[in-house]
Amino acid sequence: MQDWRSQLERHARKIRYLIGGAYNTLFGMGCYAALILAFGEDHYLPLAVVNHLLAVTNAYVVHRIFVFKSTGHWVSEYWRFHVVYAAAFANSLWMLWVLVNFAELHPIAAQGIVIAITVAASYLGHKHFSFRVGKEEQPKQGDPAS
């Protein structure tokens, strides 16, 4: 049986992802709430687009530096990061629309639900696509970064 330290090391990236994700969620929700309060609930979808651009750029920095500790080319990673989030964003827009129009939730509450749904899929997308490591850079067996 492994001790708690080896378990912690084995899951370090996932733990950093959850910590970074918590910060990113607060940042994104705060921005969205500020935009809704500043421009009104009637504009919730266009404001979601503006919020997406702000939140994804912030999240990229957190993921690159804190979560994946990447040293790859930042421009290509940034674009791959946006591809993962574009897919998540497309799904989040229709979920947001359904939750506001059919479940009759407030846009801010609906956005919180949508964010919760996309967390796991985004992690896998970033791990295997945005911040993927080439064969020559693969971590060795037992490396906690894997």
N, C-alpha and C. Protein backbone atom coordinates (compact mmCIF):
# COMPACT_ATOMS: atom_id res chain seq x y z
N MET A 1 0.85 -1.19 0.00
CA MET A 1 0.00 0.00 0.00
C MET A 1 0.89 1.25 0.00
N GLN A 2 0.55 2.20 -0.84
CA GLN A 2 1.33 3.43 -0.93
C GLN A 2 0.92 4.38 0.19
N ASP A 3 1.89 5.14 0.67
CA ASP A 3 1.55 6.12 1.70
C ASP A 3 0.88 7.34 1.06
N TRP A 4 0.38 8.21 1.87
CA TRP A 4 -0.40 9.35 1.37
C TRP A 4 0.43 10.30 0.52
N ARG A 5 1.74 10.41 0.79
CA ARG A 5 2.59 11.30 0.00
C ARG A 5 2.74 10.82 -1.43
N SER A 6 2.93 9.53 -1.60
CA SER A 6 3.06 9.01 -2.97
C SER A 6 1.73 9.13 -3.71
N GLN A 7 0.62 8.97 -3.01
CA GLN A 7 -0.69 9.18 -3.63
C GLN A 7 -0.86 10.64 -4.05
N LEU A 8 -0.43 11.54 -3.18
CA LEU A 8 -0.51 12.97 -3.48
C LEU A 8 0.35 13.31 -4.70
N GLU A 9 1.56 12.79 -4.74
CA GLU A 9 2.44 13.04 -5.88
C GLU A 9 1.86 12.46 -7.16
N ARG A 10 1.26 11.30 -7.06
CA ARG A 10 0.68 10.64 -8.24
C ARG A 10 -0.46 11.45 -8.84
N HIS A 11 -1.17 12.17 -8.01
CA HIS A 11 -2.32 12.94 -8.47
C HIS A 11 -2.08 14.45 -8.42
N ALA A 12 -0.84 14.87 -8.36
CA ALA A 12 -0.51 16.29 -8.19
C ALA A 12 -1.11 17.17 -9.28
N ARG A 13 -1.01 16.75 -10.54
CA ARG A 13 -1.54 17.57 -11.63
C ARG A 13 -3.06 17.71 -11.52
N LYS A 14 -3.73 16.63 -11.18
CA LYS A 14 -5.19 16.69 -11.04
C LYS A 14 -5.59 17.63 -9.90
N ILE A 15 -4.82 17.59 -8.82
CA ILE A 15 -5.09 18.48 -7.69
C ILE A 15 -4.85 19.93 -8.10
N ARG A 16 -3.74 20.17 -8.81
CA ARG A 16 -3.48 21.53 -9.30
C ARG A 16 -4.58 21.98 -10.26
N TYR A 17 -5.08 21.06 -11.08
CA TYR A 17 -6.17 21.38 -12.01
C TYR A 17 -7.41 21.82 -11.24
N LEU A 18 -7.74 21.11 -10.19
CA LEU A 18 -8.92 21.46 -9.40
C LEU A 18 -8.73 22.81 -8.70
N ILE A 19 -7.53 23.06 -8.18
CA ILE A 19 -7.26 24.35 -7.53
C ILE A 19 -7.33 25.47 -8.57
N GLY A 20 -6.63 25.27 -9.70
CA GLY A 20 -6.67 26.27 -10.77
C GLY A 20 -8.07 26.46 -11.30
N GLY A 21 -8.80 25.35 -11.41
CA GLY A 21 -10.18 25.42 -11.89
C GLY A 21 -11.08 26.18 -10.94
N ALA A 22 -10.86 26.00 -9.64
CA ALA A 22 -11.65 26.75 -8.66
C ALA A 22 -11.40 28.25 -8.83
N TYR A 23 -10.12 28.61 -8.95
CA TYR A 23 -9.79 30.03 -9.18
C TYR A 23 -10.40 30.52 -10.50
N ASN A 24 -10.23 29.74 -11.57
CA ASN A 24 -10.76 30.15 -12.87
C ASN A 24 -12.28 30.28 -12.84
N THR A 25 -12.93 29.39 -12.12
CA THR A 25 -14.39 29.46 -12.01
C THR A 25 -14.81 30.74 -11.29
N LEU A 26 -14.15 31.04 -10.19
CA LEU A 26 -14.46 32.28 -9.47
C LEU A 26 -14.20 33.50 -10.35
N PHE A 27 -13.08 33.48 -11.07
CA PHE A 27 -12.75 34.58 -11.96
C PHE A 27 -13.82 34.72 -13.05
N GLY A 28 -14.16 33.61 -13.71
CA GLY A 28 -15.15 33.65 -14.78
C GLY A 28 -16.54 34.05 -14.29
N MET A 29 -16.95 33.49 -13.15
CA MET A 29 -18.26 33.84 -12.59
C MET A 29 -18.28 35.31 -12.17
N GLY A 30 -17.19 35.77 -11.58
CA GLY A 30 -17.11 37.18 -11.17
C GLY A 30 -17.20 38.11 -12.36
N CYS A 31 -16.46 37.77 -13.42
CA CYS A 31 -16.51 38.60 -14.64
C CYS A 31 -17.91 38.59 -15.23
N TYR A 32 -18.52 37.40 -15.32
CA TYR A 32 -19.86 37.29 -15.91
C TYR A 32 -20.88 38.07 -15.08
N ALA A 33 -20.80 37.92 -13.77
CA ALA A 33 -21.73 38.67 -12.90
C ALA A 33 -21.53 40.17 -13.07
N ALA A 34 -20.28 40.62 -13.15
CA ALA A 34 -20.01 42.05 -13.34
C ALA A 34 -20.56 42.53 -14.68
N LEU A 35 -20.39 41.73 -15.72
CA LEU A 35 -20.92 42.11 -17.04
C LEU A 35 -22.45 42.16 -17.03
N ILE A 36 -23.08 41.17 -16.39
CA ILE A 36 -24.56 41.15 -16.30
C ILE A 36 -25.05 42.37 -15.52
N LEU A 37 -24.39 42.66 -14.41
CA LEU A 37 -24.79 43.81 -13.60
C LEU A 37 -24.57 45.12 -14.35
N ALA A 38 -23.51 45.19 -15.14
CA ALA A 38 -23.20 46.43 -15.86
C ALA A 38 -24.09 46.63 -17.08
N PHE A 39 -24.40 45.54 -17.80
CA PHE A 39 -25.11 45.70 -19.08
C PHE A 39 -26.51 45.11 -19.10
N GLY A 40 -26.90 44.37 -18.07
CA GLY A 40 -28.27 43.87 -17.96
C GLY A 40 -28.43 42.42 -18.40
N GLU A 41 -29.43 41.77 -17.79
CA GLU A 41 -29.73 40.37 -18.05
C GLU A 41 -30.16 40.11 -19.48
N ASP A 42 -30.76 41.11 -20.14
CA ASP A 42 -31.25 40.91 -21.50
C ASP A 42 -30.13 40.55 -22.47
N HIS A 43 -28.90 40.87 -22.12
CA HIS A 43 -27.75 40.65 -23.00
C HIS A 43 -26.91 39.46 -22.54
N TYR A 44 -27.52 38.50 -21.86
CA TYR A 44 -26.76 37.43 -21.24
C TYR A 44 -25.94 36.59 -22.22
N LEU A 45 -26.43 36.35 -23.44
CA LEU A 45 -25.65 35.55 -24.39
C LEU A 45 -24.46 36.32 -24.98
N PRO A 46 -24.63 37.56 -25.49
CA PRO A 46 -23.45 38.28 -25.96
C PRO A 46 -22.42 38.52 -24.85
N LEU A 47 -22.92 38.76 -23.63
CA LEU A 47 -22.00 38.95 -22.51
C LEU A 47 -21.26 37.65 -22.18
N ALA A 48 -21.90 36.50 -22.43
CA ALA A 48 -21.22 35.23 -22.23
C ALA A 48 -20.05 35.08 -23.20
N VAL A 49 -20.18 35.63 -24.41
CA VAL A 49 -19.09 35.58 -25.38
C VAL A 49 -17.91 36.43 -24.89
N VAL A 50 -18.19 37.65 -24.45
CA VAL A 50 -17.15 38.53 -23.93
C VAL A 50 -16.48 37.88 -22.72
N ASN A 51 -17.30 37.34 -21.83
CA ASN A 51 -16.78 36.68 -20.64
C ASN A 51 -15.90 35.49 -21.02
N HIS A 52 -16.31 34.76 -22.02
CA HIS A 52 -15.54 33.60 -22.47
C HIS A 52 -14.12 34.00 -22.87
N LEU A 53 -13.99 35.04 -23.64
CA LEU A 53 -12.66 35.49 -24.09
C LEU A 53 -11.78 35.92 -22.91
N LEU A 54 -12.36 36.64 -21.96
CA LEU A 54 -11.61 37.06 -20.78
C LEU A 54 -11.22 35.86 -19.91
N ALA A 55 -12.19 35.00 -19.66
CA ALA A 55 -11.96 33.88 -18.76
C ALA A 55 -10.99 32.85 -19.35
N VAL A 56 -11.09 32.60 -20.66
CA VAL A 56 -10.20 31.61 -21.27
C VAL A 56 -8.76 32.10 -21.30
N THR A 57 -8.57 33.36 -21.57
CA THR A 57 -7.21 33.89 -21.55
C THR A 57 -6.61 33.79 -20.15
N ASN A 58 -7.38 34.14 -19.15
CA ASN A 58 -6.94 34.00 -17.77
C ASN A 58 -6.65 32.53 -17.45
N ALA A 59 -7.55 31.64 -17.84
CA ALA A 59 -7.39 30.21 -17.56
C ALA A 59 -6.15 29.64 -18.25
N TYR A 60 -5.86 30.11 -19.46
CA TYR A 60 -4.67 29.62 -20.17
C TYR A 60 -3.41 29.89 -19.35
N VAL A 61 -3.31 31.09 -18.84
CA VAL A 61 -2.12 31.45 -18.05
C VAL A 61 -2.02 30.54 -16.82
N VAL A 62 -3.12 30.32 -16.14
CA VAL A 62 -3.12 29.46 -14.94
C VAL A 62 -2.74 28.03 -15.32
N HIS A 63 -3.33 27.50 -16.38
CA HIS A 63 -3.04 26.12 -16.79
C HIS A 63 -1.59 25.97 -17.24
N ARG A 64 -1.11 26.92 -18.00
CA ARG A 64 0.26 26.83 -18.53
C ARG A 64 1.29 26.87 -17.41
N ILE A 65 1.13 27.81 -16.49
CA ILE A 65 2.14 28.02 -15.45
C ILE A 65 1.93 27.10 -14.25
N PHE A 66 0.72 26.99 -13.76
CA PHE A 66 0.47 26.30 -12.49
C PHE A 66 0.09 24.83 -12.67
N VAL A 67 -0.82 24.52 -13.58
CA VAL A 67 -1.34 23.16 -13.68
C VAL A 67 -0.39 22.24 -14.44
N PHE A 68 -0.11 22.58 -15.70
CA PHE A 68 0.68 21.69 -16.54
C PHE A 68 2.17 22.04 -16.57
N LYS A 69 2.52 23.19 -16.01
CA LYS A 69 3.93 23.64 -15.94
C LYS A 69 4.61 23.47 -17.30
N SER A 70 3.94 23.97 -18.30
CA SER A 70 4.38 23.77 -19.67
C SER A 70 5.54 24.68 -20.05
N THR A 71 6.41 24.14 -20.87
CA THR A 71 7.50 24.93 -21.46
C THR A 71 7.40 24.90 -22.97
N GLY A 72 6.26 24.43 -23.48
CA GLY A 72 6.05 24.36 -24.92
C GLY A 72 5.87 25.74 -25.54
N HIS A 73 5.74 25.76 -26.85
CA HIS A 73 5.55 27.02 -27.57
C HIS A 73 4.19 27.60 -27.20
N TRP A 74 4.19 28.80 -26.61
CA TRP A 74 2.96 29.34 -26.03
C TRP A 74 1.90 29.67 -27.07
N VAL A 75 2.29 30.08 -28.27
CA VAL A 75 1.27 30.45 -29.27
C VAL A 75 0.49 29.22 -29.71
N SER A 76 1.19 28.12 -30.03
CA SER A 76 0.47 26.92 -30.47
C SER A 76 -0.36 26.34 -29.32
N GLU A 77 0.17 26.38 -28.11
CA GLU A 77 -0.60 25.90 -26.96
C GLU A 77 -1.84 26.77 -26.73
N TYR A 78 -1.67 28.07 -26.87
CA TYR A 78 -2.80 28.99 -26.66
C TYR A 78 -3.92 28.69 -27.65
N TRP A 79 -3.56 28.43 -28.91
CA TRP A 79 -4.59 28.14 -29.91
C TRP A 79 -5.23 26.78 -29.66
N ARG A 80 -4.44 25.77 -29.28
CA ARG A 80 -5.02 24.47 -28.95
C ARG A 80 -5.93 24.59 -27.72
N PHE A 81 -5.50 25.40 -26.77
CA PHE A 81 -6.30 25.66 -25.57
C PHE A 81 -7.65 26.24 -25.98
N HIS A 82 -7.63 27.18 -26.91
CA HIS A 82 -8.88 27.79 -27.39
C HIS A 82 -9.75 26.78 -28.13
N VAL A 83 -9.14 25.85 -28.84
CA VAL A 83 -9.94 24.82 -29.53
C VAL A 83 -10.71 23.99 -28.52
N VAL A 84 -10.04 23.57 -27.46
CA VAL A 84 -10.72 22.79 -26.41
C VAL A 84 -11.85 23.62 -25.80
N TYR A 85 -11.55 24.86 -25.48
CA TYR A 85 -12.58 25.70 -24.89
C TYR A 85 -13.66 26.11 -25.87
N ALA A 86 -13.36 26.17 -27.16
CA ALA A 86 -14.39 26.49 -28.16
C ALA A 86 -15.44 25.39 -28.18
N ALA A 87 -14.99 24.14 -28.13
CA ALA A 87 -15.94 23.03 -28.09
C ALA A 87 -16.78 23.09 -26.81
N ALA A 88 -16.11 23.33 -25.69
CA ALA A 88 -16.83 23.44 -24.42
C ALA A 88 -17.77 24.64 -24.44
N PHE A 89 -17.32 25.74 -25.06
CA PHE A 89 -18.13 26.95 -25.11
C PHE A 89 -19.37 26.76 -25.97
N ALA A 90 -19.21 26.09 -27.11
CA ALA A 90 -20.37 25.84 -27.98
C ALA A 90 -21.42 25.04 -27.21
N ASN A 91 -20.97 24.02 -26.50
CA ASN A 91 -21.91 23.24 -25.69
C ASN A 91 -22.49 24.07 -24.56
N SER A 92 -21.68 24.93 -23.96
CA SER A 92 -22.17 25.72 -22.84
C SER A 92 -23.21 26.75 -23.27
N LEU A 93 -23.07 27.28 -24.48
CA LEU A 93 -24.07 28.26 -24.94
C LEU A 93 -25.46 27.64 -25.07
N TRP A 94 -25.53 26.45 -25.69
CA TRP A 94 -26.85 25.85 -25.82
C TRP A 94 -27.38 25.40 -24.47
N MET A 95 -26.48 24.90 -23.56
CA MET A 95 -26.95 24.51 -22.22
C MET A 95 -27.43 25.74 -21.45
N LEU A 96 -26.72 26.85 -21.59
CA LEU A 96 -27.12 28.09 -20.93
C LEU A 96 -28.49 28.53 -21.43
N TRP A 97 -28.67 28.48 -22.75
CA TRP A 97 -29.95 28.88 -23.34
C TRP A 97 -31.09 27.99 -22.84
N VAL A 98 -30.86 26.68 -22.79
CA VAL A 98 -31.89 25.75 -22.31
C VAL A 98 -32.21 26.01 -20.84
N LEU A 99 -31.19 26.17 -20.02
CA LEU A 99 -31.42 26.38 -18.59
C LEU A 99 -32.13 27.70 -18.30
N VAL A 100 -31.83 28.74 -19.07
CA VAL A 100 -32.49 30.04 -18.86
C VAL A 100 -33.91 30.02 -19.41
N ASN A 101 -34.09 29.48 -20.61
CA ASN A 101 -35.39 29.56 -21.28
C ASN A 101 -36.37 28.46 -20.92
N PHE A 102 -35.89 27.28 -20.58
CA PHE A 102 -36.80 26.18 -20.28
C PHE A 102 -36.82 25.83 -18.80
N ALA A 103 -35.67 25.85 -18.15
CA ALA A 103 -35.64 25.58 -16.71
C ALA A 103 -35.92 26.86 -15.92
N GLU A 104 -35.92 28.01 -16.64
CA GLU A 104 -36.21 29.32 -16.07
C GLU A 104 -35.28 29.69 -14.91
N LEU A 105 -34.00 29.32 -15.07
CA LEU A 105 -33.00 29.70 -14.08
C LEU A 105 -32.46 31.08 -14.41
N HIS A 106 -31.97 31.78 -13.39
CA HIS A 106 -31.29 33.06 -13.60
C HIS A 106 -30.01 32.77 -14.37
N PRO A 107 -29.60 33.65 -15.29
CA PRO A 107 -28.39 33.40 -16.08
C PRO A 107 -27.13 33.10 -15.27
N ILE A 108 -26.97 33.74 -14.12
CA ILE A 108 -25.77 33.50 -13.31
C ILE A 108 -25.81 32.10 -12.71
N ALA A 109 -26.96 31.68 -12.21
CA ALA A 109 -27.10 30.32 -11.67
C ALA A 109 -26.91 29.28 -12.77
N ALA A 110 -27.50 29.54 -13.93
CA ALA A 110 -27.36 28.61 -15.05
C ALA A 110 -25.90 28.48 -15.47
N GLN A 111 -25.17 29.58 -15.47
CA GLN A 111 -23.76 29.56 -15.85
C GLN A 111 -22.96 28.69 -14.87
N GLY A 112 -23.29 28.74 -13.60
CA GLY A 112 -22.62 27.91 -12.61
C GLY A 112 -22.81 26.43 -12.88
N ILE A 113 -24.00 26.04 -13.26
CA ILE A 113 -24.30 24.64 -13.60
C ILE A 113 -23.52 24.22 -14.84
N VAL A 114 -23.51 25.09 -15.84
CA VAL A 114 -22.81 24.79 -17.09
C VAL A 114 -21.32 24.60 -16.83
N ILE A 115 -20.74 25.43 -16.03
CA ILE A 115 -19.31 25.32 -15.71
C ILE A 115 -19.02 23.98 -15.05
N ALA A 116 -19.85 23.59 -14.12
CA ALA A 116 -19.64 22.32 -13.42
C ALA A 116 -19.65 21.14 -14.40
N ILE A 117 -20.47 21.18 -15.41
CA ILE A 117 -20.59 20.09 -16.38
C ILE A 117 -19.34 19.95 -17.25
N THR A 118 -18.68 21.05 -17.56
CA THR A 118 -17.58 21.01 -18.52
C THR A 118 -16.20 20.74 -17.90
N VAL A 119 -16.09 20.65 -16.60
CA VAL A 119 -14.78 20.53 -15.94
C VAL A 119 -14.00 19.28 -16.38
N ALA A 120 -14.60 18.11 -16.28
CA ALA A 120 -13.87 16.86 -16.58
C ALA A 120 -13.46 16.78 -18.05
N ALA A 121 -14.37 17.13 -18.94
CA ALA A 121 -14.05 17.06 -20.37
C ALA A 121 -12.93 18.04 -20.72
N SER A 122 -12.94 19.19 -20.12
CA SER A 122 -11.88 20.17 -20.39
C SER A 122 -10.53 19.67 -19.90
N TYR A 123 -10.49 19.04 -18.73
CA TYR A 123 -9.23 18.50 -18.22
C TYR A 123 -8.62 17.51 -19.22
N LEU A 124 -9.44 16.60 -19.70
CA LEU A 124 -8.94 15.60 -20.65
C LEU A 124 -8.49 16.26 -21.95
N GLY A 125 -9.24 17.23 -22.42
CA GLY A 125 -8.85 17.94 -23.63
C GLY A 125 -7.52 18.67 -23.48
N HIS A 126 -7.33 19.32 -22.35
CA HIS A 126 -6.08 20.04 -22.13
C HIS A 126 -4.91 19.08 -21.91
N LYS A 127 -5.15 18.01 -21.18
CA LYS A 127 -4.08 17.05 -20.92
C LYS A 127 -3.61 16.39 -22.21
N HIS A 128 -4.55 15.99 -23.06
CA HIS A 128 -4.20 15.21 -24.25
C HIS A 128 -4.07 16.04 -25.52
N PHE A 129 -4.44 17.31 -25.48
CA PHE A 129 -4.37 18.13 -26.69
C PHE A 129 -3.66 19.46 -26.47
N SER A 130 -4.19 20.30 -25.60
CA SER A 130 -3.62 21.64 -25.41
C SER A 130 -2.18 21.61 -24.96
N PHE A 131 -1.89 20.82 -23.93
CA PHE A 131 -0.55 20.77 -23.35
C PHE A 131 0.08 19.40 -23.55
N ARG A 132 -0.25 18.77 -24.65
CA ARG A 132 0.30 17.43 -24.90
C ARG A 132 1.82 17.51 -25.01
N VAL A 133 2.44 16.42 -24.67
CA VAL A 133 3.89 16.34 -24.69
C VAL A 133 4.28 15.39 -25.81
N GLY A 134 5.27 15.80 -26.61
CA GLY A 134 5.75 14.94 -27.70
C GLY A 134 6.42 13.70 -27.15
N LYS A 135 6.57 12.67 -28.01
CA LYS A 135 7.15 11.39 -27.58
C LYS A 135 8.51 11.57 -26.92
N GLU A 136 9.33 12.46 -27.46
CA GLU A 136 10.66 12.65 -26.90
C GLU A 136 10.62 13.33 -25.54
N GLU A 137 9.49 13.93 -25.19
CA GLU A 137 9.37 14.64 -23.92
C GLU A 137 8.48 13.90 -22.93
N GLN A 138 8.03 12.68 -23.26
CA GLN A 138 7.13 11.94 -22.38
C GLN A 138 7.78 11.72 -21.02
N PRO A 139 7.02 11.90 -19.93
CA PRO A 139 7.57 11.64 -18.61
C PRO A 139 7.88 10.15 -18.46
N LYS A 140 8.90 9.84 -17.69
CA LYS A 140 9.27 8.45 -17.44
C LYS A 140 8.24 7.80 -16.54
N GLN A 141 8.16 6.46 -16.62
CA GLN A 141 7.24 5.70 -15.79
C GLN A 141 7.44 6.05 -14.33
N GLY A 142 6.37 6.32 -13.60
CA GLY A 142 6.47 6.66 -12.20
C GLY A 142 6.67 8.15 -11.93
N ASP A 143 6.86 8.95 -13.00
CA ASP A 143 7.03 10.40 -12.85
C ASP A 143 5.70 10.99 -12.40
N PRO A 144 5.67 11.76 -11.32
CA PRO A 144 4.42 12.32 -10.82
C PRO A 144 3.74 13.26 -11.79
N ALA A 145 4.42 13.73 -12.82
CA ALA A 145 3.80 14.65 -13.77
C ALA A 145 2.87 13.94 -14.72
N SER A 146 2.85 12.62 -14.73
CA SER A 146 2.01 11.89 -15.69
C SER A 146 0.61 11.73 -15.27
